[in-house]
Amino acid sequence: MTEIAFHFNAPDKRAYACRLLRKAVASGAKVVVTGDEASLQALDTLLWTFAPLEFVPHCHADSPIEQRIASPIVLVQQLMDGPSLPHHQVLLNLGDAVMAGFERFERAIEVVSLDAQDRQFARQRWKHYADRGYAITRHDLKLKENA
């Protein structure tokens, strides 16, 4: 069963996602990131620019299959069937809804900002997972910040 983790109280959702992805790549994890087109475009730009001396390797779902296989991070709007996505280790969802097909991944991570509407969408996603019997791990970033 997929492990579900919520990371709450991210002051900047995309910047936090960049740090999380950098850490994942350093540990050898393979990640698929889902979200709407605007979020993924902004994340793509941030992954190129957020650290001046680092590059976080990534590609888009429409990249050639060789790039998708070689890249530890693939950015997609929708999860596709078959060989389109070579990675099923970690799913990072930056979208408002539960991504259909999340159960194919070993782990799913939901990042939640301080925005009231984003938090409301997160409650709906939490309920979706909980209603289906998934154990959910909660990471409160405010508590980590204060520790």
C-alpha atoms as a PDB file:
ATOM      1  CA  MET A   1       0.000   0.000   0.000  1.00  0.00           C
ATOM      2  CA  THR A   2       1.261   3.471  -0.865  1.00  0.00           C
ATOM      3  CA  GLU A   3       2.782   5.451   2.015  1.00  0.00           C
ATOM      4  CA  ILE A   4       1.147   8.885   2.232  1.00  0.00           C
ATOM      5  CA  ALA A   5       2.845  11.935   3.773  1.00  0.00           C
ATOM      6  CA  PHE A   6       1.526  15.472   4.134  1.00  0.00           C
ATOM      7  CA  HIS A   7       3.999  18.323   4.591  1.00  0.00           C
ATOM      8  CA  PHE A   8       1.984  21.196   6.095  1.00  0.00           C
ATOM      9  CA  ASN A   9       2.690  24.915   6.488  1.00  0.00           C
ATOM     10  CA  ALA A  10       5.121  25.395   3.615  1.00  0.00           C
ATOM     11  CA  PRO A  11       5.612  29.172   3.352  1.00  0.00           C
ATOM     12  CA  ASP A  12       6.396  28.799  -0.369  1.00  0.00           C
ATOM     13  CA  LYS A  13       5.058  25.559  -1.837  1.00  0.00           C
ATOM     14  CA  ARG A  14       7.299  25.512  -4.916  1.00  0.00           C
ATOM     15  CA  ALA A  15      10.477  26.526  -3.095  1.00  0.00           C
ATOM     16  CA  TYR A  16       9.817  23.782  -0.541  1.00  0.00           C
ATOM     17  CA  ALA A  17       9.226  21.324  -3.402  1.00  0.00           C
ATOM     18  CA  CYS A  18      12.623  22.304  -4.866  1.00  0.00           C
ATOM     19  CA  ARG A  19      14.385  21.579  -1.584  1.00  0.00           C
ATOM     20  CA  LEU A  20      12.501  18.298  -1.235  1.00  0.00           C
ATOM     21  CA  LEU A  21      13.401  17.291  -4.803  1.00  0.00           C
ATOM     22  CA  ARG A  22      17.064  18.216  -4.312  1.00  0.00           C
ATOM     23  CA  LYS A  23      17.147  16.003  -1.220  1.00  0.00           C
ATOM     24  CA  ALA A  24      15.360  13.174  -3.064  1.00  0.00           C
ATOM     25  CA  VAL A  25      17.824  13.277  -5.969  1.00  0.00           C
ATOM     26  CA  ALA A  26      20.763  13.284  -3.561  1.00  0.00           C
ATOM     27  CA  SER A  27      19.386  10.139  -1.922  1.00  0.00           C
ATOM     28  CA  GLY A  28      18.887   8.401  -5.288  1.00  0.00           C
ATOM     29  CA  ALA A  29      15.080   8.566  -5.287  1.00  0.00           C
ATOM     30  CA  LYS A  30      13.053   8.741  -8.495  1.00  0.00           C
ATOM     31  CA  VAL A  31      10.181  11.244  -8.332  1.00  0.00           C
ATOM     32  CA  VAL A  32       7.176  12.072 -10.474  1.00  0.00           C
ATOM     33  CA  VAL A  33       5.769  15.554  -9.786  1.00  0.00           C
ATOM     34  CA  THR A  34       2.149  16.319 -10.619  1.00  0.00           C
ATOM     35  CA  GLY A  35       0.309  19.623 -10.719  1.00  0.00           C
ATOM     36  CA  ASP A  36      -1.370  22.058 -13.054  1.00  0.00           C
ATOM     37  CA  GLU A  37       0.512  23.466 -16.024  1.00  0.00           C
ATOM     38  CA  ALA A  38       1.284  26.826 -14.402  1.00  0.00           C
ATOM     39  CA  SER A  39       2.671  25.204 -11.236  1.00  0.00           C
ATOM     40  CA  LEU A  40       4.842  22.814 -13.208  1.00  0.00           C
ATOM     41  CA  GLN A  41       6.185  25.617 -15.433  1.00  0.00           C
ATOM     42  CA  ALA A  42       7.057  27.687 -12.359  1.00  0.00           C
ATOM     43  CA  LEU A  43       8.663  24.655 -10.694  1.00  0.00           C
ATOM     44  CA  ASP A  44      10.645  23.922 -13.864  1.00  0.00           C
ATOM     45  CA  THR A  45      12.066  27.459 -13.797  1.00  0.00           C
ATOM     46  CA  LEU A  46      12.836  27.235 -10.071  1.00  0.00           C
ATOM     47  CA  LEU A  47      14.632  23.917 -10.470  1.00  0.00           C
ATOM     48  CA  TRP A  48      17.011  25.664 -12.880  1.00  0.00           C
ATOM     49  CA  THR A  49      17.515  28.771 -10.737  1.00  0.00           C
ATOM     50  CA  PHE A  50      16.870  28.206  -7.015  1.00  0.00           C
ATOM     51  CA  ALA A  51      20.488  27.327  -6.160  1.00  0.00           C
ATOM     52  CA  PRO A  52      23.201  29.082  -8.176  1.00  0.00           C
ATOM     53  CA  LEU A  53      25.706  26.221  -8.046  1.00  0.00           C
ATOM     54  CA  GLU A  54      23.305  23.299  -8.306  1.00  0.00           C
ATOM     55  CA  PHE A  55      21.146  21.772 -11.003  1.00  0.00           C
ATOM     56  CA  VAL A  56      18.332  19.415 -10.094  1.00  0.00           C
ATOM     57  CA  PRO A  57      17.966  17.134 -13.132  1.00  0.00           C
ATOM     58  CA  HIS A  58      14.417  16.866 -14.398  1.00  0.00           C
ATOM     59  CA  CYS A  59      12.345  16.616 -17.558  1.00  0.00           C
ATOM     60  CA  HIS A  60       8.728  16.795 -18.693  1.00  0.00           C
ATOM     61  CA  ALA A  61       6.369  13.938 -19.539  1.00  0.00           C
ATOM     62  CA  ASP A  62       6.558  14.816 -23.228  1.00  0.00           C
ATOM     63  CA  SER A  63      10.374  14.506 -23.290  1.00  0.00           C
ATOM     64  CA  PRO A  64      11.821  11.594 -25.262  1.00  0.00           C
ATOM     65  CA  ILE A  65      11.583   8.286 -23.394  1.00  0.00           C
ATOM     66  CA  GLU A  66      15.383   8.124 -23.029  1.00  0.00           C
ATOM     67  CA  GLN A  67      15.318  11.408 -21.079  1.00  0.00           C
ATOM     68  CA  ARG A  68      12.420  10.268 -18.902  1.00  0.00           C
ATOM     69  CA  ILE A  69      14.284   7.063 -18.034  1.00  0.00           C
ATOM     70  CA  ALA A  70      17.533   8.915 -17.275  1.00  0.00           C
ATOM     71  CA  SER A  71      15.965  11.760 -15.304  1.00  0.00           C
ATOM     72  CA  PRO A  72      15.311  11.250 -11.583  1.00  0.00           C
ATOM     73  CA  ILE A  73      12.436  13.781 -11.745  1.00  0.00           C
ATOM     74  CA  VAL A  74       9.609  13.826 -14.277  1.00  0.00           C
ATOM     75  CA  LEU A  75       7.049  16.668 -14.316  1.00  0.00           C
ATOM     76  CA  VAL A  76       3.550  15.626 -15.462  1.00  0.00           C
ATOM     77  CA  GLN A  77       0.041  17.055 -15.408  1.00  0.00           C
ATOM     78  CA  GLN A  78      -1.623  13.622 -15.431  1.00  0.00           C
ATOM     79  CA  LEU A  79      -0.356  10.149 -14.608  1.00  0.00           C
ATOM     80  CA  MET A  80      -0.297   8.048 -17.736  1.00  0.00           C
ATOM     81  CA  ASP A  81      -0.497   4.306 -18.199  1.00  0.00           C
ATOM     82  CA  GLY A  82       2.158   2.044 -19.626  1.00  0.00           C
ATOM     83  CA  PRO A  83       5.778   2.902 -20.316  1.00  0.00           C
ATOM     84  CA  SER A  84       5.199   6.678 -20.401  1.00  0.00           C
ATOM     85  CA  LEU A  85       6.336   7.004 -16.786  1.00  0.00           C
ATOM     86  CA  PRO A  86       9.399   4.934 -15.987  1.00  0.00           C
ATOM     87  CA  HIS A  87       9.363   5.955 -12.307  1.00  0.00           C
ATOM     88  CA  HIS A  88       6.908   4.701  -9.695  1.00  0.00           C
ATOM     89  CA  GLN A  89       8.905   5.250  -6.531  1.00  0.00           C
ATOM     90  CA  VAL A  90       7.756   8.663  -5.228  1.00  0.00           C
ATOM     91  CA  LEU A  91       4.859  10.878  -6.300  1.00  0.00           C
ATOM     92  CA  LEU A  92       4.982  14.547  -5.294  1.00  0.00           C
ATOM     93  CA  ASN A  93       1.544  16.106  -5.770  1.00  0.00           C
ATOM     94  CA  LEU A  94       1.430  19.893  -6.036  1.00  0.00           C
ATOM     95  CA  GLY A  95      -2.134  19.872  -7.368  1.00  0.00           C
ATOM     96  CA  ASP A  96      -5.438  20.566  -5.654  1.00  0.00           C
ATOM     97  CA  ALA A  97      -6.915  17.066  -6.023  1.00  0.00           C
ATOM     98  CA  VAL A  98      -5.758  13.520  -5.387  1.00  0.00           C
ATOM     99  CA  MET A  99      -3.987  12.392  -8.529  1.00  0.00           C
ATOM    100  CA  ALA A 100      -5.676   9.383 -10.128  1.00  0.00           C
ATOM    101  CA  GLY A 101      -3.154   6.540 -10.235  1.00  0.00           C
ATOM    102  CA  PHE A 102      -1.280   7.545  -7.057  1.00  0.00           C
ATOM    103  CA  GLU A 103      -1.629   3.987  -5.764  1.00  0.00           C
ATOM    104  CA  ARG A 104       0.979   2.788  -8.289  1.00  0.00           C
ATOM    105  CA  PHE A 105       3.676   4.603  -6.311  1.00  0.00           C
ATOM    106  CA  GLU A 106       5.552   3.404  -3.237  1.00  0.00           C
ATOM    107  CA  ARG A 107       5.154   6.827  -1.610  1.00  0.00           C
ATOM    108  CA  ALA A 108       3.007   9.901  -2.213  1.00  0.00           C
ATOM    109  CA  ILE A 109       3.871  13.306  -0.793  1.00  0.00           C
ATOM    110  CA  GLU A 110       1.415  16.190  -0.540  1.00  0.00           C
ATOM    111  CA  VAL A 111       2.807  19.689   0.049  1.00  0.00           C
ATOM    112  CA  VAL A 112       0.422  22.172   1.677  1.00  0.00           C
ATOM    113  CA  SER A 113       1.055  25.908   1.887  1.00  0.00           C
ATOM    114  CA  LEU A 114      -0.281  28.456   4.364  1.00  0.00           C
ATOM    115  CA  ASP A 115      -2.975  29.578   1.896  1.00  0.00           C
ATOM    116  CA  ALA A 116      -6.520  28.963   3.208  1.00  0.00           C
ATOM    117  CA  GLN A 117      -7.813  27.532  -0.077  1.00  0.00           C
ATOM    118  CA  ASP A 118      -4.787  25.245  -0.446  1.00  0.00           C
ATOM    119  CA  ARG A 119      -5.375  23.988   3.105  1.00  0.00           C
ATOM    120  CA  GLN A 120      -9.038  23.290   2.277  1.00  0.00           C
ATOM    121  CA  PHE A 121      -8.045  21.239  -0.766  1.00  0.00           C
ATOM    122  CA  ALA A 122      -5.513  19.393   1.425  1.00  0.00           C
ATOM    123  CA  ARG A 123      -8.267  18.470   3.901  1.00  0.00           C
ATOM    124  CA  GLN A 124     -10.228  16.929   1.024  1.00  0.00           C
ATOM    125  CA  ARG A 125      -7.177  14.947  -0.126  1.00  0.00           C
ATOM    126  CA  TRP A 126      -6.486  13.803   3.455  1.00  0.00           C
ATOM    127  CA  LYS A 127     -10.091  12.615   3.780  1.00  0.00           C
ATOM    128  CA  HIS A 128      -9.824  10.768   0.454  1.00  0.00           C
ATOM    129  CA  TYR A 129      -6.758   8.842   1.612  1.00  0.00           C
ATOM    130  CA  ALA A 130      -8.087   8.218   5.137  1.00  0.00           C
ATOM    131  CA  ASP A 131     -11.459   6.965   3.854  1.00  0.00           C
ATOM    132  CA  ARG A 132      -9.600   4.349   1.812  1.00  0.00           C
ATOM    133  CA  GLY A 133      -7.551   3.127   4.758  1.00  0.00           C
ATOM    134  CA  TYR A 134      -4.194   4.709   3.957  1.00  0.00           C
ATOM    135  CA  ALA A 135      -1.973   5.485   6.934  1.00  0.00           C
ATOM    136  CA  ILE A 136      -0.979   9.145   6.742  1.00  0.00           C
ATOM    137  CA  THR A 137       2.187  10.704   8.128  1.00  0.00           C
ATOM    138  CA  ARG A 138       1.985  14.369   9.039  1.00  0.00           C
ATOM    139  CA  HIS A 139       5.012  16.697   8.863  1.00  0.00           C
ATOM    140  CA  ASP A 140       4.303  20.158  10.299  1.00  0.00           C
ATOM    141  CA  LEU A 141       6.963  22.472   8.900  1.00  0.00           C
ATOM    142  CA  LYS A 142       6.116  25.196  11.450  1.00  0.00           C
ATOM    143  CA  LEU A 143       7.032  22.829  14.281  1.00  0.00           C
ATOM    144  CA  LYS A 144      10.331  21.928  12.585  1.00  0.00           C
ATOM    145  CA  GLU A 145      11.043  25.623  12.075  1.00  0.00           C
ATOM    146  CA  ASN A 146      10.527  26.328  15.789  1.00  0.00           C
ATOM    147  CA  ALA A 147      12.596  23.355  16.974  1.00  0.00           C
END
